[in-house]
Structures are given as C-alpha cells and as structure tokens.
C-alpha atoms as a PDB file:
ATOM      1  CA  MET A   1      -9.927  -9.161  80.104  1.00  0.00           C
ATOM      2  CA  THR A   2      -8.144  -5.829  80.423  1.00  0.00           C
ATOM      3  CA  GLU A   3      -8.926  -2.764  78.374  1.00  0.00           C
ATOM      4  CA  PRO A   4      -6.231  -1.251  76.138  1.00  0.00           C
ATOM      5  CA  SER A   5      -4.520   1.854  77.521  1.00  0.00           C
ATOM      6  CA  SER A   6      -4.359   3.539  74.110  1.00  0.00           C
ATOM      7  CA  LYS A   7      -7.269   5.461  72.609  1.00  0.00           C
ATOM      8  CA  PHE A   8      -8.231   7.371  69.501  1.00  0.00           C
ATOM      9  CA  ILE A   9      -8.604  11.127  69.986  1.00  0.00           C
ATOM     10  CA  LYS A  10     -10.576  13.649  67.945  1.00  0.00           C
ATOM     11  CA  VAL A  11      -8.596  16.900  67.641  1.00  0.00           C
ATOM     12  CA  ARG A  12      -9.040  20.262  65.907  1.00  0.00           C
ATOM     13  CA  CYS A  13      -6.178  21.858  63.997  1.00  0.00           C
ATOM     14  CA  PRO A  14      -5.257  25.246  65.520  1.00  0.00           C
ATOM     15  CA  LYS A  15      -4.453  26.688  62.085  1.00  0.00           C
ATOM     16  CA  CYS A  16      -7.320  25.659  59.762  1.00  0.00           C
ATOM     17  CA  LYS A  17      -9.871  24.254  62.290  1.00  0.00           C
ATOM     18  CA  ASN A  18     -10.032  20.881  60.509  1.00  0.00           C
ATOM     19  CA  GLU A  19     -11.244  18.061  62.782  1.00  0.00           C
ATOM     20  CA  GLN A  20      -9.301  14.821  62.583  1.00  0.00           C
ATOM     21  CA  VAL A  21      -9.098  11.532  64.501  1.00  0.00           C
ATOM     22  CA  ILE A  22      -5.594  10.522  65.598  1.00  0.00           C
ATOM     23  CA  PHE A  23      -4.115   7.666  67.669  1.00  0.00           C
ATOM     24  CA  GLY A  24      -3.053   8.608  71.188  1.00  0.00           C
ATOM     25  CA  LYS A  25       0.196   6.584  71.113  1.00  0.00           C
ATOM     26  CA  SER A  26       1.378   7.035  67.542  1.00  0.00           C
ATOM     27  CA  SER A  27       5.012   6.239  66.758  1.00  0.00           C
ATOM     28  CA  THR A  28       5.268   8.826  63.963  1.00  0.00           C
ATOM     29  CA  GLY A  29       4.400  12.507  63.708  1.00  0.00           C
ATOM     30  CA  ILE A  30       0.851  13.283  62.546  1.00  0.00           C
ATOM     31  CA  LYS A  31       0.079  16.266  60.325  1.00  0.00           C
ATOM     32  CA  CYS A  32      -3.205  17.950  59.460  1.00  0.00           C
ATOM     33  CA  LEU A  33      -4.665  16.510  56.258  1.00  0.00           C
ATOM     34  CA  VAL A  34      -5.648  20.012  55.042  1.00  0.00           C
ATOM     35  CA  CYS A  35      -2.820  22.432  55.925  1.00  0.00           C
ATOM     36  CA  GLU A  36      -0.064  19.957  56.986  1.00  0.00           C
ATOM     37  CA  LYS A  37       0.533  21.594  60.395  1.00  0.00           C
ATOM     38  CA  THR A  38       1.960  19.098  62.923  1.00  0.00           C
ATOM     39  CA  LEU A  39      -0.829  17.889  65.240  1.00  0.00           C
ATOM     40  CA  SER A  40       1.143  15.395  67.307  1.00  0.00           C
ATOM     41  CA  SER A  41       4.694  14.196  67.731  1.00  0.00           C
ATOM     42  CA  PRO A  42       5.947  10.894  69.204  1.00  0.00           C
ATOM     43  CA  THR A  43       7.610  10.767  72.615  1.00  0.00           C
ATOM     44  CA  GLY A  44       8.184   7.031  73.068  1.00  0.00           C
ATOM     45  CA  GLY A  45       4.850   6.516  74.838  1.00  0.00           C
ATOM     46  CA  LYS A  46       1.858   8.788  74.590  1.00  0.00           C
ATOM     47  CA  SER A  47       2.064  11.326  71.769  1.00  0.00           C
ATOM     48  CA  ARG A  48       2.574  15.018  72.504  1.00  0.00           C
ATOM     49  CA  ILE A  49      -0.603  16.577  71.095  1.00  0.00           C
ATOM     50  CA  LYS A  50      -0.233  20.090  69.667  1.00  0.00           C
ATOM     51  CA  ALA A  51      -3.915  20.595  68.798  1.00  0.00           C
ATOM     52  CA  ARG A  52      -7.148  21.108  70.711  1.00  0.00           C
ATOM     53  CA  VAL A  53      -8.583  17.821  71.995  1.00  0.00           C
ATOM     54  CA  LEU A  54     -12.314  17.652  71.280  1.00  0.00           C
ATOM     55  CA  GLU A  55     -13.163  14.118  72.352  1.00  0.00           C
ATOM     56  CA  VAL A  56     -11.566  10.863  73.490  1.00  0.00           C
ATOM     57  CA  LEU A  57     -13.184   8.014  71.572  1.00  0.00           C
ATOM     58  CA  GLU A  58     -13.906   4.759  73.410  1.00  0.00           C
END
C-alpha cells in the first residue's frame, strides 16, 4: 500500500500569529480564520503557502 503524497500542514499567520492547520494540496484559497489574510493559494498541484510552516502533520 502506498502512502498519500498530500499532507496537512500547521502554519502561522504572518499578520496576527494565529496557528491554523491547512491542506497541502487545496484547490481553493485558504484565509486566516482570525484576520482573513490569505495563507495559501492553489496552483493546480501543491498549494503556494504564504505563511510560516510550523509542522508537517503525518
């Protein structure tokens, strides 16, 4: 059995320092739940993350 290539990622918002878990290959833009700053944008594959990555969750 193969492991999935996509992972969940814990990131910190650069504006308000809120920590949030996002999906590494999301098909829509993800905004911070507190200040609504864009944390990631879709690229057709892996998302372009615009926040500090704290941890990659297994």
